[in-house]
Amino acid sequence: MTAMSLDLLIRGGTVVDGTRSPRFDADVGIRGERIVAIGDLADHTATDVLDAQGLIVAPGFIDAHTHDDQAVLSQADMSFKVSPR
């Protein structure tokens, strides 16, 4: 993989990707609001770097757990829970 400059580099976490595949150790590279690389990103640079060693990284995971019981009835798509802003 060609080295690139990232906005955020999450180093050394254990990735759980939601596909039911076994978890694996990897770095996760983000540019803008998108994941652009997952793997050994040792040669990449980033504006911000987070050390995730010993932590779970779940790229794209959305935690829909809520106590907004009425909201699911009035706004069934729950878009306010998944909007990036």
N, C-alpha and C. Protein backbone atom coordinates (compact mmCIF):
# COMPACT_ATOMS: atom_id res chain seq x y z
N MET A 1 0.84 -1.17 0.00
CA MET A 1 0.00 0.00 0.00
C MET A 1 0.89 1.24 0.00
N THR A 2 0.61 2.16 -0.88
CA THR A 2 1.37 3.39 -0.97
C THR A 2 1.08 4.29 0.22
N ALA A 3 2.12 4.83 0.82
CA ALA A 3 1.95 5.71 1.98
C ALA A 3 1.15 6.94 1.59
N MET A 4 0.29 7.36 2.50
CA MET A 4 -0.52 8.55 2.25
C MET A 4 -0.62 9.38 3.51
N SER A 5 -1.05 10.62 3.33
CA SER A 5 -1.28 11.50 4.45
C SER A 5 -2.75 11.41 4.83
N LEU A 6 -2.99 11.22 6.12
CA LEU A 6 -4.35 11.04 6.63
C LEU A 6 -4.72 12.15 7.59
N ASP A 7 -5.98 12.31 7.82
CA ASP A 7 -6.44 13.25 8.84
C ASP A 7 -6.33 12.62 10.22
N LEU A 8 -6.68 11.34 10.31
CA LEU A 8 -6.65 10.62 11.57
C LEU A 8 -6.13 9.21 11.33
N LEU A 9 -5.22 8.79 12.17
CA LEU A 9 -4.67 7.44 12.11
C LEU A 9 -4.89 6.80 13.47
N ILE A 10 -5.65 5.72 13.48
CA ILE A 10 -5.90 4.97 14.71
C ILE A 10 -4.97 3.77 14.66
N ARG A 11 -3.97 3.78 15.53
CA ARG A 11 -2.90 2.77 15.48
C ARG A 11 -3.11 1.64 16.47
N GLY A 12 -2.88 0.41 15.99
CA GLY A 12 -2.71 -0.74 16.85
C GLY A 12 -3.94 -1.27 17.56
N GLY A 13 -5.13 -0.94 17.09
CA GLY A 13 -6.33 -1.45 17.72
C GLY A 13 -6.70 -2.83 17.22
N THR A 14 -7.65 -3.44 17.87
CA THR A 14 -8.20 -4.70 17.41
C THR A 14 -9.51 -4.39 16.70
N VAL A 15 -9.53 -4.69 15.40
CA VAL A 15 -10.67 -4.31 14.56
C VAL A 15 -11.75 -5.39 14.61
N VAL A 16 -12.96 -4.96 14.90
CA VAL A 16 -14.15 -5.79 14.79
C VAL A 16 -15.00 -5.10 13.72
N ASP A 17 -15.11 -5.73 12.54
CA ASP A 17 -15.70 -5.02 11.40
C ASP A 17 -17.17 -5.30 11.15
N GLY A 18 -17.81 -6.12 11.96
CA GLY A 18 -19.23 -6.36 11.81
C GLY A 18 -19.60 -7.39 10.76
N THR A 19 -18.62 -8.03 10.15
CA THR A 19 -18.90 -9.03 9.11
C THR A 19 -18.95 -10.45 9.66
N ARG A 20 -18.78 -10.59 10.95
CA ARG A 20 -18.68 -11.89 11.63
C ARG A 20 -17.35 -12.60 11.36
N SER A 21 -16.43 -11.89 10.73
CA SER A 21 -15.07 -12.41 10.57
C SER A 21 -14.37 -12.29 11.90
N PRO A 22 -13.33 -13.09 12.12
CA PRO A 22 -12.59 -12.95 13.38
C PRO A 22 -11.98 -11.55 13.50
N ARG A 23 -11.90 -11.06 14.72
CA ARG A 23 -11.26 -9.77 14.97
C ARG A 23 -9.79 -9.86 14.57
N PHE A 24 -9.20 -8.72 14.24
CA PHE A 24 -7.80 -8.69 13.83
C PHE A 24 -7.17 -7.38 14.24
N ASP A 25 -5.87 -7.41 14.48
CA ASP A 25 -5.13 -6.19 14.84
C ASP A 25 -4.78 -5.42 13.57
N ALA A 26 -5.04 -4.12 13.58
CA ALA A 26 -4.76 -3.29 12.40
C ALA A 26 -4.80 -1.82 12.78
N ASP A 27 -4.27 -1.01 11.88
CA ASP A 27 -4.40 0.44 11.96
C ASP A 27 -5.57 0.82 11.06
N VAL A 28 -6.22 1.95 11.38
CA VAL A 28 -7.33 2.45 10.58
C VAL A 28 -7.01 3.88 10.19
N GLY A 29 -7.05 4.17 8.89
CA GLY A 29 -6.74 5.50 8.38
C GLY A 29 -8.00 6.21 7.90
N ILE A 30 -8.15 7.47 8.31
CA ILE A 30 -9.34 8.25 7.96
C ILE A 30 -8.90 9.55 7.30
N ARG A 31 -9.58 9.87 6.22
CA ARG A 31 -9.38 11.15 5.54
C ARG A 31 -10.77 11.76 5.36
N GLY A 32 -10.94 12.98 5.85
CA GLY A 32 -12.28 13.58 5.82
C GLY A 32 -13.19 12.79 6.73
N GLU A 33 -14.31 12.35 6.20
CA GLU A 33 -15.26 11.55 6.97
C GLU A 33 -15.28 10.10 6.52
N ARG A 34 -14.23 9.65 5.84
CA ARG A 34 -14.19 8.31 5.27
C ARG A 34 -13.01 7.50 5.75
N ILE A 35 -13.25 6.23 5.98
CA ILE A 35 -12.16 5.29 6.22
C ILE A 35 -11.54 5.00 4.87
N VAL A 36 -10.23 5.25 4.73
CA VAL A 36 -9.58 5.06 3.44
C VAL A 36 -8.57 3.92 3.45
N ALA A 37 -8.22 3.41 4.63
CA ALA A 37 -7.25 2.31 4.70
C ALA A 37 -7.39 1.58 6.02
N ILE A 38 -7.25 0.26 5.95
CA ILE A 38 -7.20 -0.59 7.13
C ILE A 38 -6.09 -1.59 6.91
N GLY A 39 -5.21 -1.73 7.89
CA GLY A 39 -4.10 -2.68 7.77
C GLY A 39 -2.88 -2.16 8.49
N ASP A 40 -1.72 -2.53 7.99
CA ASP A 40 -0.46 -2.03 8.55
C ASP A 40 -0.16 -0.70 7.89
N LEU A 41 -0.39 0.38 8.61
CA LEU A 41 -0.23 1.73 8.05
C LEU A 41 0.99 2.43 8.66
N ALA A 42 2.00 1.66 8.99
CA ALA A 42 3.20 2.18 9.64
C ALA A 42 3.87 3.28 8.83
N ASP A 43 3.78 3.25 7.50
CA ASP A 43 4.44 4.24 6.65
C ASP A 43 3.59 5.49 6.42
N HIS A 44 2.38 5.50 6.92
CA HIS A 44 1.47 6.62 6.69
C HIS A 44 1.67 7.70 7.75
N THR A 45 1.35 8.93 7.38
CA THR A 45 1.40 10.05 8.31
C THR A 45 -0.02 10.56 8.52
N ALA A 46 -0.23 11.29 9.62
CA ALA A 46 -1.56 11.81 9.89
C ALA A 46 -1.47 13.08 10.73
N THR A 47 -2.46 13.92 10.59
CA THR A 47 -2.58 15.12 11.39
C THR A 47 -2.76 14.76 12.86
N ASP A 48 -3.62 13.77 13.11
CA ASP A 48 -3.87 13.29 14.47
C ASP A 48 -3.67 11.78 14.50
N VAL A 49 -3.05 11.30 15.57
CA VAL A 49 -2.82 9.86 15.74
C VAL A 49 -3.37 9.45 17.11
N LEU A 50 -4.17 8.38 17.11
CA LEU A 50 -4.68 7.83 18.36
C LEU A 50 -4.06 6.46 18.58
N ASP A 51 -3.58 6.22 19.77
CA ASP A 51 -3.05 4.90 20.13
C ASP A 51 -4.21 4.06 20.65
N ALA A 52 -4.57 3.02 19.90
CA ALA A 52 -5.71 2.17 20.27
C ALA A 52 -5.25 0.80 20.75
N GLN A 53 -3.97 0.67 21.05
CA GLN A 53 -3.47 -0.63 21.50
C GLN A 53 -4.24 -1.08 22.74
N GLY A 54 -4.72 -2.32 22.69
CA GLY A 54 -5.51 -2.87 23.79
C GLY A 54 -6.98 -2.50 23.74
N LEU A 55 -7.38 -1.76 22.69
CA LEU A 55 -8.77 -1.32 22.56
C LEU A 55 -9.41 -1.91 21.31
N ILE A 56 -10.72 -1.97 21.29
CA ILE A 56 -11.47 -2.42 20.12
C ILE A 56 -11.76 -1.22 19.24
N VAL A 57 -11.56 -1.39 17.94
CA VAL A 57 -11.91 -0.37 16.96
C VAL A 57 -12.99 -0.99 16.07
N ALA A 58 -14.12 -0.33 15.96
CA ALA A 58 -15.24 -0.85 15.18
C ALA A 58 -15.59 0.15 14.08
N PRO A 59 -14.86 0.12 12.97
CA PRO A 59 -15.08 1.10 11.89
C PRO A 59 -16.50 1.07 11.37
N GLY A 60 -17.12 2.24 11.34
CA GLY A 60 -18.46 2.35 10.80
C GLY A 60 -19.55 1.90 11.74
N PHE A 61 -19.20 1.49 12.94
CA PHE A 61 -20.20 0.99 13.88
C PHE A 61 -21.09 2.12 14.36
N ILE A 62 -22.37 1.86 14.38
CA ILE A 62 -23.33 2.84 14.86
C ILE A 62 -24.02 2.24 16.07
N ASP A 63 -23.93 2.91 17.19
CA ASP A 63 -24.58 2.43 18.40
C ASP A 63 -25.99 3.01 18.44
N ALA A 64 -26.96 2.19 18.10
CA ALA A 64 -28.34 2.65 18.04
C ALA A 64 -29.06 2.52 19.37
N HIS A 65 -28.35 2.07 20.41
CA HIS A 65 -28.99 1.96 21.71
C HIS A 65 -29.43 3.34 22.18
N THR A 66 -30.63 3.42 22.63
CA THR A 66 -31.16 4.71 23.02
C THR A 66 -32.26 4.56 24.06
N HIS A 67 -32.53 5.61 24.75
CA HIS A 67 -33.68 5.65 25.64
C HIS A 67 -34.70 6.64 25.09
N ASP A 68 -34.58 6.96 23.81
CA ASP A 68 -35.52 7.86 23.13
C ASP A 68 -36.68 7.04 22.59
N ASP A 69 -37.41 6.37 23.45
CA ASP A 69 -38.46 5.46 23.02
C ASP A 69 -39.50 6.12 22.13
N GLN A 70 -39.84 7.36 22.41
CA GLN A 70 -40.83 8.05 21.58
C GLN A 70 -40.26 8.44 20.23
N ALA A 71 -38.96 8.67 20.16
CA ALA A 71 -38.35 9.12 18.91
C ALA A 71 -38.50 8.09 17.81
N VAL A 72 -38.41 6.82 18.13
CA VAL A 72 -38.54 5.80 17.09
C VAL A 72 -39.95 5.81 16.49
N LEU A 73 -40.92 6.27 17.23
CA LEU A 73 -42.28 6.38 16.70
C LEU A 73 -42.46 7.64 15.86
N SER A 74 -41.85 8.74 16.28
CA SER A 74 -42.04 10.00 15.56
C SER A 74 -41.03 10.19 14.43
N GLN A 75 -39.85 9.56 14.52
CA GLN A 75 -38.81 9.68 13.50
C GLN A 75 -38.22 8.30 13.24
N ALA A 76 -38.99 7.44 12.62
CA ALA A 76 -38.66 6.02 12.49
C ALA A 76 -37.31 5.76 11.82
N ASP A 77 -36.85 6.65 10.96
CA ASP A 77 -35.55 6.41 10.31
C ASP A 77 -34.38 6.69 11.26
N MET A 78 -34.65 7.34 12.40
CA MET A 78 -33.65 7.63 13.42
C MET A 78 -32.43 8.35 12.85
N SER A 79 -32.62 9.14 11.79
CA SER A 79 -31.50 9.81 11.12
C SER A 79 -30.71 10.70 12.07
N PHE A 80 -31.34 11.25 13.07
CA PHE A 80 -30.62 12.10 14.02
C PHE A 80 -29.60 11.30 14.83
N LYS A 81 -29.72 9.99 14.86
CA LYS A 81 -28.78 9.14 15.58
C LYS A 81 -27.57 8.74 14.73
N VAL A 82 -27.70 8.86 13.41
CA VAL A 82 -26.61 8.42 12.53
C VAL A 82 -25.99 9.54 11.72
N SER A 83 -26.47 10.76 11.89
CA SER A 83 -25.91 11.88 11.15
C SER A 83 -24.53 12.22 11.68
N PRO A 84 -23.59 12.56 10.79
CA PRO A 84 -22.23 12.87 11.25
C PRO A 84 -22.15 14.17 12.02
N ARG A 85 -23.15 14.97 12.00
CA ARG A 85 -23.14 16.24 12.73
C ARG A 85 -24.36 16.35 13.60
